[in-house]
Amino acid sequence: MTENNQEKMELNHEPVPGYRMAFFISITVGSLYLTLILYHTLF
């Protein structure tokens, strides 16, 4: 078989509930922490 005739394999999984919210919370906390550091270094 040539490369054009082969089927493409796809790896997928079911999403785990709660990870999206944990991701956004961690990004928010990290951003607030960096903002606090920047604020204290400028003032």
N, C-alpha and C. Protein backbone atom coordinates (compact mmCIF):
# COMPACT_ATOMS: atom_id res chain seq x y z
N MET A 1 0.84 -1.19 0.00
CA MET A 1 0.00 0.00 0.00
C MET A 1 0.88 1.25 0.00
N THR A 2 0.42 2.25 -0.67
CA THR A 2 1.15 3.52 -0.66
C THR A 2 0.67 4.35 0.52
N GLU A 3 1.37 5.44 0.76
CA GLU A 3 1.01 6.29 1.90
C GLU A 3 -0.34 6.95 1.72
N ASN A 4 -0.75 7.20 0.51
CA ASN A 4 -2.02 7.87 0.27
C ASN A 4 -3.22 6.96 0.53
N ASN A 5 -3.02 5.65 0.44
CA ASN A 5 -4.14 4.73 0.61
C ASN A 5 -4.32 4.25 2.05
N GLN A 6 -3.41 4.58 2.94
CA GLN A 6 -3.52 4.12 4.33
C GLN A 6 -4.53 4.98 5.08
N GLU A 7 -5.20 4.33 6.01
CA GLU A 7 -6.14 5.07 6.85
C GLU A 7 -5.36 5.77 7.95
N LYS A 8 -5.85 6.93 8.34
CA LYS A 8 -5.21 7.67 9.42
C LYS A 8 -5.77 7.19 10.74
N MET A 9 -4.87 6.96 11.69
CA MET A 9 -5.30 6.54 13.03
C MET A 9 -5.52 7.80 13.87
N GLU A 10 -6.56 7.78 14.67
CA GLU A 10 -6.88 8.93 15.50
C GLU A 10 -6.99 8.46 16.94
N LEU A 11 -6.26 9.13 17.81
CA LEU A 11 -6.30 8.82 19.24
C LEU A 11 -7.21 9.83 19.91
N ASN A 12 -8.27 9.36 20.52
CA ASN A 12 -9.17 10.27 21.22
C ASN A 12 -9.54 9.67 22.57
N HIS A 13 -10.06 10.51 23.43
CA HIS A 13 -10.44 10.06 24.78
C HIS A 13 -11.62 10.90 25.25
N GLU A 14 -12.27 10.40 26.25
CA GLU A 14 -13.38 11.13 26.84
C GLU A 14 -12.83 12.20 27.78
N PRO A 15 -13.38 13.41 27.75
CA PRO A 15 -12.90 14.46 28.64
C PRO A 15 -13.25 14.14 30.10
N VAL A 16 -12.35 14.52 30.99
CA VAL A 16 -12.57 14.31 32.42
C VAL A 16 -13.19 15.58 32.98
N PRO A 17 -14.34 15.48 33.62
CA PRO A 17 -14.98 16.70 34.14
C PRO A 17 -14.15 17.33 35.26
N GLY A 18 -14.11 18.64 35.26
CA GLY A 18 -13.41 19.36 36.32
C GLY A 18 -12.04 19.89 35.91
N TYR A 19 -11.42 19.32 34.91
CA TYR A 19 -10.08 19.78 34.52
C TYR A 19 -10.12 21.15 33.86
N ARG A 20 -11.14 21.45 33.11
CA ARG A 20 -11.24 22.76 32.46
C ARG A 20 -11.34 23.86 33.52
N MET A 21 -12.17 23.65 34.53
CA MET A 21 -12.34 24.65 35.59
C MET A 21 -11.04 24.79 36.38
N ALA A 22 -10.37 23.70 36.69
CA ALA A 22 -9.10 23.76 37.42
C ALA A 22 -8.05 24.51 36.61
N PHE A 23 -8.05 24.32 35.29
CA PHE A 23 -7.11 25.03 34.43
C PHE A 23 -7.34 26.53 34.50
N PHE A 24 -8.58 26.97 34.37
CA PHE A 24 -8.88 28.39 34.39
C PHE A 24 -8.60 29.01 35.76
N ILE A 25 -8.87 28.27 36.83
CA ILE A 25 -8.58 28.78 38.17
C ILE A 25 -7.08 28.95 38.35
N SER A 26 -6.29 27.97 37.91
CA SER A 26 -4.84 28.08 38.07
C SER A 26 -4.26 29.21 37.23
N ILE A 27 -4.77 29.42 36.03
CA ILE A 27 -4.32 30.54 35.20
C ILE A 27 -4.67 31.87 35.86
N THR A 28 -5.86 31.98 36.44
CA THR A 28 -6.28 33.20 37.10
C THR A 28 -5.43 33.49 38.32
N VAL A 29 -5.18 32.48 39.14
CA VAL A 29 -4.35 32.67 40.34
C VAL A 29 -2.92 33.05 39.95
N GLY A 30 -2.38 32.40 38.94
CA GLY A 30 -1.03 32.73 38.48
C GLY A 30 -0.94 34.14 37.94
N SER A 31 -1.95 34.57 37.20
CA SER A 31 -1.96 35.93 36.66
C SER A 31 -2.06 36.97 37.78
N LEU A 32 -2.90 36.69 38.76
CA LEU A 32 -3.01 37.62 39.88
C LEU A 32 -1.70 37.70 40.67
N TYR A 33 -1.04 36.59 40.84
CA TYR A 33 0.24 36.56 41.55
C TYR A 33 1.29 37.37 40.80
N LEU A 34 1.38 37.19 39.49
CA LEU A 34 2.35 37.96 38.70
C LEU A 34 2.01 39.44 38.69
N THR A 35 0.73 39.78 38.68
CA THR A 35 0.31 41.18 38.76
C THR A 35 0.71 41.78 40.09
N LEU A 36 0.55 41.04 41.17
CA LEU A 36 0.95 41.51 42.49
C LEU A 36 2.45 41.75 42.56
N ILE A 37 3.24 40.87 42.01
CA ILE A 37 4.69 41.02 41.99
C ILE A 37 5.06 42.27 41.17
N LEU A 38 4.46 42.43 40.02
CA LEU A 38 4.75 43.60 39.18
C LEU A 38 4.35 44.88 39.90
N TYR A 39 3.24 44.90 40.57
CA TYR A 39 2.77 46.07 41.30
C TYR A 39 3.77 46.45 42.40
N HIS A 40 4.27 45.45 43.14
CA HIS A 40 5.20 45.73 44.23
C HIS A 40 6.57 46.16 43.73
N THR A 41 6.96 45.75 42.55
CA THR A 41 8.26 46.17 42.04
C THR A 41 8.21 47.57 41.45
N LEU A 42 7.05 48.01 40.99
CA LEU A 42 6.93 49.34 40.40
C LEU A 42 6.62 50.43 41.43
N PHE A 43 5.96 50.06 42.52
CA PHE A 43 5.56 51.08 43.49
C PHE A 43 6.14 50.84 44.84
